C-alpha atoms as a PDB file:
ATOM      1  CA  MET A   1      93.098 123.386  94.672  1.00  0.00           C
ATOM      2  CA  LYS A   2      90.983 122.610  91.905  1.00  0.00           C
ATOM      3  CA  THR A   3      88.920 119.453  91.817  1.00  0.00           C
ATOM      4  CA  ASP A   4      90.644 118.011  89.133  1.00  0.00           C
ATOM      5  CA  ASP A   5      93.870 119.172  90.174  1.00  0.00           C
ATOM      6  CA  ILE A   6      92.514 116.945  93.675  1.00  0.00           C
ATOM      7  CA  THR A   7      91.375 114.211  91.881  1.00  0.00           C
ATOM      8  CA  GLN A   8      94.647 113.855  89.584  1.00  0.00           C
ATOM      9  CA  GLU A   9      96.840 113.779  93.059  1.00  0.00           C
ATOM     10  CA  LEU A  10      94.344 111.206  94.878  1.00  0.00           C
ATOM     11  CA  TYR A  11      94.675 108.904  91.889  1.00  0.00           C
ATOM     12  CA  HIS A  12      98.377 109.466  91.892  1.00  0.00           C
ATOM     13  CA  ALA A  13      98.796 108.785  95.189  1.00  0.00           C
ATOM     14  CA  LEU A  14      96.561 105.721  95.403  1.00  0.00           C
ATOM     15  CA  LEU A  15      98.443 104.501  92.242  1.00  0.00           C
ATOM     16  CA  ARG A  16     101.540 104.965  93.892  1.00  0.00           C
ATOM     17  CA  LEU A  17     100.210 103.402  97.364  1.00  0.00           C
ATOM     18  CA  SER A  18      98.705 100.484  95.689  1.00  0.00           C
ATOM     19  CA  SER A  19     102.223  99.870  94.124  1.00  0.00           C
ATOM     20  CA  LEU A  20     103.412  98.456  97.345  1.00  0.00           C
ATOM     21  CA  TYR A  21     100.875  95.365  97.414  1.00  0.00           C
ATOM     22  CA  SER A  22     100.153  92.061  95.197  1.00  0.00           C
ATOM     23  CA  ARG A  23      98.624  92.394  92.699  1.00  0.00           C
ATOM     24  CA  GLU A  24      95.846  90.201  91.467  1.00  0.00           C
ATOM     25  CA  GLY A  25      97.559  86.487  90.564  1.00  0.00           C
ATOM     26  CA  GLU A  26     101.191  87.752  91.540  1.00  0.00           C
ATOM     27  CA  ASN A  27     103.592  85.323  93.789  1.00  0.00           C
ATOM     28  CA  HIS A  28     105.371  86.353  96.430  1.00  0.00           C
ATOM     29  CA  LEU A  29     108.196  86.887  94.622  1.00  0.00           C
ATOM     30  CA  THR A  30     107.242  88.288  91.553  1.00  0.00           C
ATOM     31  CA  HIS A  31     105.820  90.734  94.070  1.00  0.00           C
ATOM     32  CA  PHE A  32     108.966  91.313  95.478  1.00  0.00           C
ATOM     33  CA  GLU A  33     110.678  91.694  92.180  1.00  0.00           C
ATOM     34  CA  ARG A  34     108.277  93.986  90.872  1.00  0.00           C
ATOM     35  CA  VAL A  35     108.816  96.416  93.998  1.00  0.00           C
ATOM     36  CA  ALA A  36     112.235  95.910  93.848  1.00  0.00           C
ATOM     37  CA  LYS A  37     112.401  97.570  89.869  1.00  0.00           C
ATOM     38  CA  ASP A  38     110.327 100.053  91.305  1.00  0.00           C
ATOM     39  CA  PHE A  39     112.813 101.137  93.943  1.00  0.00           C
ATOM     40  CA  TYR A  40     115.727 100.543  92.143  1.00  0.00           C
ATOM     41  CA  ASP A  41     114.472 102.319  89.131  1.00  0.00           C
ATOM     42  CA  GLN A  42     113.877 105.874  91.508  1.00  0.00           C
ATOM     43  CA  THR A  43     116.545 105.468  93.833  1.00  0.00           C
ATOM     44  CA  GLY A  44     119.526 103.776  92.302  1.00  0.00           C
ATOM     45  CA  CYS A  45     119.856 101.552  95.111  1.00  0.00           C
ATOM     46  CA  LEU A  46     119.065  97.883  95.615  1.00  0.00           C
ATOM     47  CA  ARG A  47     116.016  97.123  97.835  1.00  0.00           C
ATOM     48  CA  PRO A  48     117.065  95.421 100.935  1.00  0.00           C
ATOM     49  CA  GLY A  49     116.770  91.513 100.283  1.00  0.00           C
ATOM     50  CA  LYS A  50     118.403  92.046  97.319  1.00  0.00           C
ATOM     51  CA  ASP A  51     122.005  90.228  96.643  1.00  0.00           C
ATOM     52  CA  ASP A  52     124.402  93.440  96.608  1.00  0.00           C
ATOM     53  CA  ALA A  53     127.321  91.748  95.163  1.00  0.00           C
ATOM     54  CA  ALA A  54     128.638  94.887  94.120  1.00  0.00           C
ATOM     55  CA  GLY A  55     128.539  96.089  97.620  1.00  0.00           C
ATOM     56  CA  VAL A  56     127.907  99.761  96.419  1.00  0.00           C
ATOM     57  CA  TYR A  57     125.144 100.102  99.600  1.00  0.00           C
ATOM     58  CA  SER A  58     125.770  99.152 103.469  1.00  0.00           C
ATOM     59  CA  LYS A  59     122.850  96.920 104.361  1.00  0.00           C
ATOM     60  CA  GLU A  60     122.691  99.758 106.411  1.00  0.00           C
ATOM     61  CA  GLU A  61     122.706 102.407 103.862  1.00  0.00           C
ATOM     62  CA  ARG A  62     119.750 100.769 101.848  1.00  0.00           C
ATOM     63  CA  GLU A  63     117.250  99.745 104.918  1.00  0.00           C
ATOM     64  CA  GLU A  64     117.338 103.836 104.928  1.00  0.00           C
ATOM     65  CA  VAL A  65     116.940 104.391 101.988  1.00  0.00           C
ATOM     66  CA  TRP A  66     114.050 101.847 101.671  1.00  0.00           C
ATOM     67  CA  ASP A  67     112.308 103.967 104.622  1.00  0.00           C
ATOM     68  CA  ALA A  68     112.782 106.848 103.301  1.00  0.00           C
ATOM     69  CA  TRP A  69     110.931 105.559 100.269  1.00  0.00           C
ATOM     70  CA  VAL A  70     108.419 103.863 101.728  1.00  0.00           C
ATOM     71  CA  GLY A  71     107.655 106.403 104.179  1.00  0.00           C
ATOM     72  CA  GLY A  72     107.502 108.975 100.631  1.00  0.00           C
ATOM     73  CA  VAL A  73     105.018 106.908  99.273  1.00  0.00           C
ATOM     74  CA  LYS A  74     103.076 106.682 102.703  1.00  0.00           C
ATOM     75  CA  GLN A  75     103.112 110.751 102.978  1.00  0.00           C
ATOM     76  CA  GLN A  76     102.023 111.789  99.460  1.00  0.00           C
ATOM     77  CA  ALA A  77      98.871 109.432 100.442  1.00  0.00           C
ATOM     78  CA  ARG A  78      98.508 111.303 103.542  1.00  0.00           C
ATOM     79  CA  GLN A  79      99.232 114.959 101.583  1.00  0.00           C
ATOM     80  CA  ALA A  80      96.513 114.059  99.153  1.00  0.00           C
ATOM     81  CA  LEU A  81      94.141 113.122 101.438  1.00  0.00           C
ATOM     82  CA  LYS A  82      94.536 116.165 103.579  1.00  0.00           C
ATOM     83  CA  ASN A  83      94.181 118.475 100.083  1.00  0.00           C
ATOM     84  CA  TYR A  84      90.863 116.298  99.145  1.00  0.00           C
ATOM     85  CA  GLU A  85      89.609 116.992 102.708  1.00  0.00           C
ATOM     86  CA  GLU A  86      90.849 120.987 102.943  1.00  0.00           C
ATOM     87  CA  SER A  87      88.897 121.119  99.776  1.00  0.00           C
END
């Protein structure tokens, strides 16, 4: 990979990873709701802990989708670091 590509890959991986954490001045509820919205926008599934009145997904299904989503964020960061180290 070219240096510019690696820089962009690292930037996007870090941006995505950092989106899981609280931002400065953000309280717990605001943080939860922001991440829940990102999760919903990307998966179409409500975050575990949200009230799913429609019952579209079971609690177990939502937890599986959540775990896979968070795992994907972590994997993207790991892969970006690996590509950087190998460049």
